[in-house]
Amino acid sequence: MLKYGDSVHLPLIAFDPLRGHDAAVYFNLAYNEPIDRCAAAGFRRLLLGRTQYAVKLQRGCRLVELDLYLRPHSWPQSQIWPLLLAARSALMRRRLAATANTPATAKPQ
């Protein structure tokens, strides 16, 4: 876990799915343990990464839009990356809009 200010970031979880499935290793390493540790240490935010959106929303997480900066190293990259990033941004905006009013992400009235 990476700690910064009042936030903790959990960048990557890896395990052997053949051995870890029955013990719920993924959920214990990726959700249960970090949540318990962060709460006990007084952290206010836990950043869980960029995949498994539905699972995270079911556990009370919310999606937030992130920025991505990169420096292309060639002319072809400078032409392709803006198109790919625009497509990624449009996809993320659709995902954010689709989850805006789900029970896990709806703001209290």
C-alpha atoms as a PDB file:
ATOM      1  CA  MET A   1       0.000   0.000   0.000  1.00  0.00           C
ATOM      2  CA  LEU A   2       1.239   3.469  -0.872  1.00  0.00           C
ATOM      3  CA  LYS A   3       0.401   6.196   1.648  1.00  0.00           C
ATOM      4  CA  TYR A   4       0.149   9.918   0.909  1.00  0.00           C
ATOM      5  CA  GLY A   5      -1.529  12.442   3.183  1.00  0.00           C
ATOM      6  CA  ASP A   6      -4.939  11.101   4.181  1.00  0.00           C
ATOM      7  CA  SER A   7      -5.054   8.670   1.242  1.00  0.00           C
ATOM      8  CA  VAL A   8      -3.824   5.170   0.586  1.00  0.00           C
ATOM      9  CA  HIS A   9      -3.392   3.713  -2.882  1.00  0.00           C
ATOM     10  CA  LEU A  10      -3.475   0.000  -3.557  1.00  0.00           C
ATOM     11  CA  PRO A  11      -1.941  -0.203  -7.047  1.00  0.00           C
ATOM     12  CA  LEU A  12      -1.814  -3.927  -7.830  1.00  0.00           C
ATOM     13  CA  ILE A  13      -2.828  -7.289  -6.405  1.00  0.00           C
ATOM     14  CA  ALA A  14      -1.434 -10.546  -7.767  1.00  0.00           C
ATOM     15  CA  PHE A  15      -2.012 -14.098  -6.617  1.00  0.00           C
ATOM     16  CA  ASP A  16      -2.294 -17.653  -7.951  1.00  0.00           C
ATOM     17  CA  PRO A  17      -5.982 -18.042  -8.870  1.00  0.00           C
ATOM     18  CA  LEU A  18      -5.800 -21.831  -8.683  1.00  0.00           C
ATOM     19  CA  ARG A  19      -4.625 -21.773  -5.080  1.00  0.00           C
ATOM     20  CA  GLY A  20      -6.282 -18.606  -3.852  1.00  0.00           C
ATOM     21  CA  HIS A  21      -9.856 -18.916  -5.114  1.00  0.00           C
ATOM     22  CA  ASP A  22     -11.262 -21.015  -2.264  1.00  0.00           C
ATOM     23  CA  ALA A  23      -9.702 -18.792   0.399  1.00  0.00           C
ATOM     24  CA  ALA A  24     -11.075 -15.594  -1.194  1.00  0.00           C
ATOM     25  CA  VAL A  25      -7.510 -14.308  -1.428  1.00  0.00           C
ATOM     26  CA  TYR A  26      -8.356 -11.556  -3.932  1.00  0.00           C
ATOM     27  CA  PHE A  27     -11.131 -10.052  -1.817  1.00  0.00           C
ATOM     28  CA  ASN A  28      -9.109 -10.322   1.369  1.00  0.00           C
ATOM     29  CA  LEU A  29      -6.016  -8.692  -0.179  1.00  0.00           C
ATOM     30  CA  ALA A  30      -7.788  -6.156  -2.382  1.00  0.00           C
ATOM     31  CA  TYR A  31     -10.702  -5.081  -0.166  1.00  0.00           C
ATOM     32  CA  ASN A  32     -11.108  -6.502   3.329  1.00  0.00           C
ATOM     33  CA  GLU A  33      -7.552  -6.132   4.640  1.00  0.00           C
ATOM     34  CA  PRO A  34      -6.830  -2.672   3.142  1.00  0.00           C
ATOM     35  CA  ILE A  35     -10.176  -1.311   4.351  1.00  0.00           C
ATOM     36  CA  ASP A  36      -9.557  -2.625   7.877  1.00  0.00           C
ATOM     37  CA  ARG A  37      -5.985  -1.279   7.970  1.00  0.00           C
ATOM     38  CA  CYS A  38      -6.934   2.123   6.597  1.00  0.00           C
ATOM     39  CA  ALA A  39      -9.827   2.529   9.014  1.00  0.00           C
ATOM     40  CA  ALA A  40      -7.657   1.514  11.972  1.00  0.00           C
ATOM     41  CA  ALA A  41      -4.917   3.964  10.941  1.00  0.00           C
ATOM     42  CA  GLY A  42      -7.360   6.851  10.426  1.00  0.00           C
ATOM     43  CA  PHE A  43      -7.042   7.190   6.645  1.00  0.00           C
ATOM     44  CA  ARG A  44     -10.006   8.784   4.917  1.00  0.00           C
ATOM     45  CA  ARG A  45      -9.515   7.532   1.347  1.00  0.00           C
ATOM     46  CA  LEU A  46      -8.507   4.231  -0.197  1.00  0.00           C
ATOM     47  CA  LEU A  47      -7.785   4.286  -3.939  1.00  0.00           C
ATOM     48  CA  LEU A  48      -8.351   0.808  -5.327  1.00  0.00           C
ATOM     49  CA  GLY A  49      -7.249   0.991  -8.959  1.00  0.00           C
ATOM     50  CA  ARG A  50      -8.800   0.902 -12.410  1.00  0.00           C
ATOM     51  CA  THR A  51     -10.511  -2.455 -12.852  1.00  0.00           C
ATOM     52  CA  GLN A  52     -13.440  -4.433 -11.471  1.00  0.00           C
ATOM     53  CA  TYR A  53     -15.726  -1.387 -11.388  1.00  0.00           C
ATOM     54  CA  ALA A  54     -18.943  -3.303 -10.638  1.00  0.00           C
ATOM     55  CA  VAL A  55     -17.405  -5.130  -7.671  1.00  0.00           C
ATOM     56  CA  LYS A  56     -16.026  -1.910  -6.223  1.00  0.00           C
ATOM     57  CA  LEU A  57     -19.334  -0.075  -6.647  1.00  0.00           C
ATOM     58  CA  GLN A  58     -21.112  -2.891  -4.791  1.00  0.00           C
ATOM     59  CA  ARG A  59     -18.721  -2.350  -1.883  1.00  0.00           C
ATOM     60  CA  GLY A  60     -19.482   1.349  -1.623  1.00  0.00           C
ATOM     61  CA  CYS A  61     -16.728   2.769  -3.828  1.00  0.00           C
ATOM     62  CA  ARG A  62     -17.336   5.533  -6.322  1.00  0.00           C
ATOM     63  CA  LEU A  63     -15.699   6.216  -9.648  1.00  0.00           C
ATOM     64  CA  VAL A  64     -13.728   9.409 -10.087  1.00  0.00           C
ATOM     65  CA  GLU A  65     -12.331  10.870 -13.278  1.00  0.00           C
ATOM     66  CA  LEU A  66      -8.543  10.888 -13.411  1.00  0.00           C
ATOM     67  CA  ASP A  67      -6.074  12.801 -15.551  1.00  0.00           C
ATOM     68  CA  LEU A  68      -3.401  11.157 -17.647  1.00  0.00           C
ATOM     69  CA  TYR A  69      -0.379  12.993 -18.988  1.00  0.00           C
ATOM     70  CA  LEU A  70       2.130  11.529 -21.389  1.00  0.00           C
ATOM     71  CA  ARG A  71       4.871  12.693 -23.708  1.00  0.00           C
ATOM     72  CA  PRO A  72       4.942  10.976 -27.109  1.00  0.00           C
ATOM     73  CA  HIS A  73       8.420  10.038 -28.269  1.00  0.00           C
ATOM     74  CA  SER A  74       7.732  10.040 -31.994  1.00  0.00           C
ATOM     75  CA  TRP A  75       5.558  11.786 -34.579  1.00  0.00           C
ATOM     76  CA  PRO A  76       3.256   8.738 -35.082  1.00  0.00           C
ATOM     77  CA  GLN A  77       2.702   8.490 -31.339  1.00  0.00           C
ATOM     78  CA  SER A  78       1.880  12.188 -31.178  1.00  0.00           C
ATOM     79  CA  GLN A  79      -0.840  11.575 -33.771  1.00  0.00           C
ATOM     80  CA  ILE A  80      -2.272   8.359 -32.294  1.00  0.00           C
ATOM     81  CA  TRP A  81      -2.209   9.051 -28.534  1.00  0.00           C
ATOM     82  CA  PRO A  82      -4.634  12.007 -28.592  1.00  0.00           C
ATOM     83  CA  LEU A  83      -7.208   9.841 -30.396  1.00  0.00           C
ATOM     84  CA  LEU A  84      -6.775   6.948 -27.962  1.00  0.00           C
ATOM     85  CA  LEU A  85      -6.935   9.237 -24.943  1.00  0.00           C
ATOM     86  CA  ALA A  86     -10.067  10.959 -26.255  1.00  0.00           C
ATOM     87  CA  ALA A  87     -11.726   7.555 -26.681  1.00  0.00           C
ATOM     88  CA  ARG A  88     -10.650   6.537 -23.167  1.00  0.00           C
ATOM     89  CA  SER A  89     -12.002   9.766 -21.709  1.00  0.00           C
ATOM     90  CA  ALA A  90     -15.345   9.316 -23.475  1.00  0.00           C
ATOM     91  CA  LEU A  91     -15.607   5.748 -22.158  1.00  0.00           C
ATOM     92  CA  MET A  92     -14.821   6.862 -18.605  1.00  0.00           C
ATOM     93  CA  ARG A  93     -17.384   9.691 -18.788  1.00  0.00           C
ATOM     94  CA  ARG A  94     -20.025   7.155 -19.870  1.00  0.00           C
ATOM     95  CA  ARG A  95     -19.069   4.860 -16.984  1.00  0.00           C
ATOM     96  CA  LEU A  96     -19.220   7.737 -14.514  1.00  0.00           C
ATOM     97  CA  ALA A  97     -22.627   8.824 -15.835  1.00  0.00           C
ATOM     98  CA  ALA A  98     -23.949   5.254 -15.699  1.00  0.00           C
ATOM     99  CA  THR A  99     -22.950   4.875 -12.045  1.00  0.00           C
ATOM    100  CA  ALA A 100     -23.903   8.383 -10.884  1.00  0.00           C
ATOM    101  CA  ASN A 101     -27.303   7.340  -9.537  1.00  0.00           C
ATOM    102  CA  THR A 102     -26.657   3.788  -8.381  1.00  0.00           C
ATOM    103  CA  PRO A 103     -27.291   3.126  -4.673  1.00  0.00           C
ATOM    104  CA  ALA A 104     -23.544   2.867  -4.014  1.00  0.00           C
ATOM    105  CA  THR A 105     -22.760   6.244  -5.551  1.00  0.00           C
ATOM    106  CA  ALA A 106     -25.913   8.324  -5.127  1.00  0.00           C
ATOM    107  CA  LYS A 107     -25.377  11.416  -3.012  1.00  0.00           C
ATOM    108  CA  PRO A 108     -27.581  11.744   0.094  1.00  0.00           C
ATOM    109  CA  GLN A 109     -30.462  14.221  -0.207  1.00  0.00           C
END
